Protein backbone atom coordinates (compact mmCIF):
# COMPACT_ATOMS: atom_id res chain seq x y z
CA MET A 1 72.23 104.21 107.22
CA LEU A 2 74.51 102.71 104.58
CA THR A 3 75.03 98.97 104.49
CA ASP A 4 78.12 97.17 103.25
CA SER A 5 77.07 95.20 100.19
CA ARG A 6 80.38 93.41 99.71
CA ILE A 7 80.36 89.80 98.56
CA HIS A 8 83.22 88.89 100.91
CA PRO A 9 83.64 89.92 104.56
CA ARG A 10 86.48 92.40 105.08
CA VAL A 11 88.72 92.94 108.12
CA GLU A 12 91.15 95.68 109.07
CA THR A 13 94.85 94.80 108.74
CA ASP A 14 98.25 96.42 108.86
CA PHE A 15 100.65 94.59 106.53
CA GLU A 16 103.53 96.05 104.55
CA VAL A 17 102.93 95.64 100.81
CA LYS A 18 105.01 95.94 97.67
CA VAL A 19 103.34 96.64 94.35
CA GLY A 20 104.93 95.94 90.97
CA ILE A 21 108.52 95.09 90.24
CA PRO A 22 110.87 95.87 92.02
CA GLY A 23 108.12 96.97 94.39
CA ASP A 24 109.45 99.45 96.98
CA ASN A 25 106.46 101.80 97.26
CA SER A 26 107.73 103.77 100.26
CA GLY A 27 105.90 102.24 103.20
CA ALA A 28 102.58 101.34 101.58
CA ARG A 29 100.34 99.28 103.90
CA ILE A 30 97.40 96.94 103.41
CA ILE A 31 94.73 98.43 105.68
CA SER A 32 91.93 95.95 105.01
CA MET A 33 91.43 92.68 103.18
CA SER A 34 88.96 90.03 102.13
CA VAL A 35 89.23 87.02 99.84
CA GLY A 36 88.00 89.39 97.13
CA GLY A 37 90.71 92.03 97.44
CA ILE A 38 92.65 94.55 99.51
CA ALA A 39 92.70 98.23 100.39
CA ILE A 40 96.13 99.85 100.42
CA LEU A 41 97.14 103.12 102.07
CA GLY A 42 99.90 104.77 100.05
CA ASN A 43 101.29 108.02 98.71
CA HIS A 44 101.49 109.75 95.32
CA GLN A 45 104.45 107.54 94.30
CA LEU A 46 102.26 104.47 94.62
CA GLU A 47 99.49 106.28 92.75
CA ASP A 48 101.90 106.80 89.84
CA VAL A 49 102.83 103.09 89.84
CA LEU A 50 99.22 101.93 90.04
CA LYS A 51 97.86 104.27 87.40
CA LEU A 52 100.65 103.88 84.84
CA ASP A 53 101.97 100.35 85.34
CA ASN A 54 100.93 97.35 83.21
CA ALA A 55 97.83 98.65 81.41
CA ASP A 56 96.60 96.15 78.84
CA ALA A 57 95.10 97.01 75.44
CA ASN A 58 91.74 97.76 77.11
CA GLY A 59 93.29 100.07 79.70
CA VAL A 60 92.83 97.53 82.52
CA LEU A 61 95.49 98.00 85.19
CA GLU A 62 96.80 94.78 86.76
CA HIS A 63 99.65 94.60 89.25
CA ILE A 64 101.69 92.07 91.17
CA VAL A 65 101.13 92.69 94.87
CA SER A 66 103.45 90.99 97.40
CA PHE A 67 102.97 90.82 101.16
CA SER A 68 103.58 88.68 104.23
CA MET A 69 100.82 87.65 106.58
CA PRO A 70 100.26 84.91 109.14
CA GLY A 71 100.21 81.73 107.09
CA GLY A 72 102.56 82.74 104.31
CA GLU A 73 104.22 85.03 101.81
CA LEU A 74 101.78 85.93 99.07
CA SER A 75 102.26 87.38 95.59
CA GLU A 76 98.99 88.02 93.81
CA ILE A 77 97.82 89.59 90.59
CA CYS A 78 95.38 92.40 91.39
CA ARG A 79 93.30 94.84 89.38
CA LEU A 80 92.96 98.46 90.48
CA VAL A 81 89.25 99.16 91.05
CA HIS A 82 89.25 102.51 92.86
CA VAL A 83 91.44 105.34 94.11
CA ARG A 84 90.39 107.73 96.86
CA ARG A 85 92.47 110.74 97.83
CA LEU A 86 92.57 111.07 101.62
CA SER A 87 94.88 114.10 101.88
CA GLN A 88 97.53 115.97 99.91
CA GLU A 89 99.91 113.00 100.21
CA ASN A 90 97.79 109.97 101.14
CA TYR A 91 95.56 107.79 99.00
CA GLU A 92 93.49 104.67 99.49
CA PHE A 93 93.66 102.15 96.65
CA GLY A 94 91.16 99.34 96.23
CA LEU A 95 92.49 96.28 94.43
CA LYS A 96 90.62 93.14 93.43
CA PHE A 97 92.38 89.76 93.46
CA ILE A 98 92.53 88.07 90.06
CA ASP A 99 92.65 84.24 90.11
CA LEU A 100 93.72 83.53 93.70
CA ASN A 101 95.08 80.00 93.92
CA PRO A 102 93.32 77.65 96.38
CA GLN A 103 96.18 77.71 98.93
CA ASP A 104 96.26 81.53 99.10
CA THR A 105 92.47 81.66 99.25
CA VAL A 106 92.57 79.44 102.36
CA ILE A 107 95.30 81.58 103.98
CA ILE A 108 93.31 84.79 103.47
CA ALA A 109 89.93 83.22 104.36
CA ASP A 110 91.34 81.77 107.60
CA TYR A 111 92.85 85.15 108.54
CA VAL A 112 89.59 87.00 107.83
CA ASP A 113 87.54 84.42 109.73
CA ARG A 114 89.81 84.57 112.81
CA HIS A 115 89.75 88.38 112.90
CA ARG A 116 86.00 88.71 112.36
CA ARG A 117 85.38 86.65 115.47
CA GLY A 118 87.58 88.88 117.59
């Protein structure tokens, strides 16, 4: 049996998300989150944005991710850490938060804590 070796507890979510600027992304959704990062369900258009947008000199891909959740409107810088193709059109993208400010950390941690307890 596999165990989850994540540093931060993760909970399932369903929040609309916009990645990049202007950030439409055709209905992309955050499907899980922790204070360490998020998983996004999206299509090939989002894959194009995430794989080609904002690569630095070392090829590291960082993106501005904006979403609303109980407690506030958040805009965070995230780094793409994995892409998994789920079907012909759907992908799961794992993004790690880079330098969450203390206020946003509290908002996300409170949300995760409330939803882990049921």
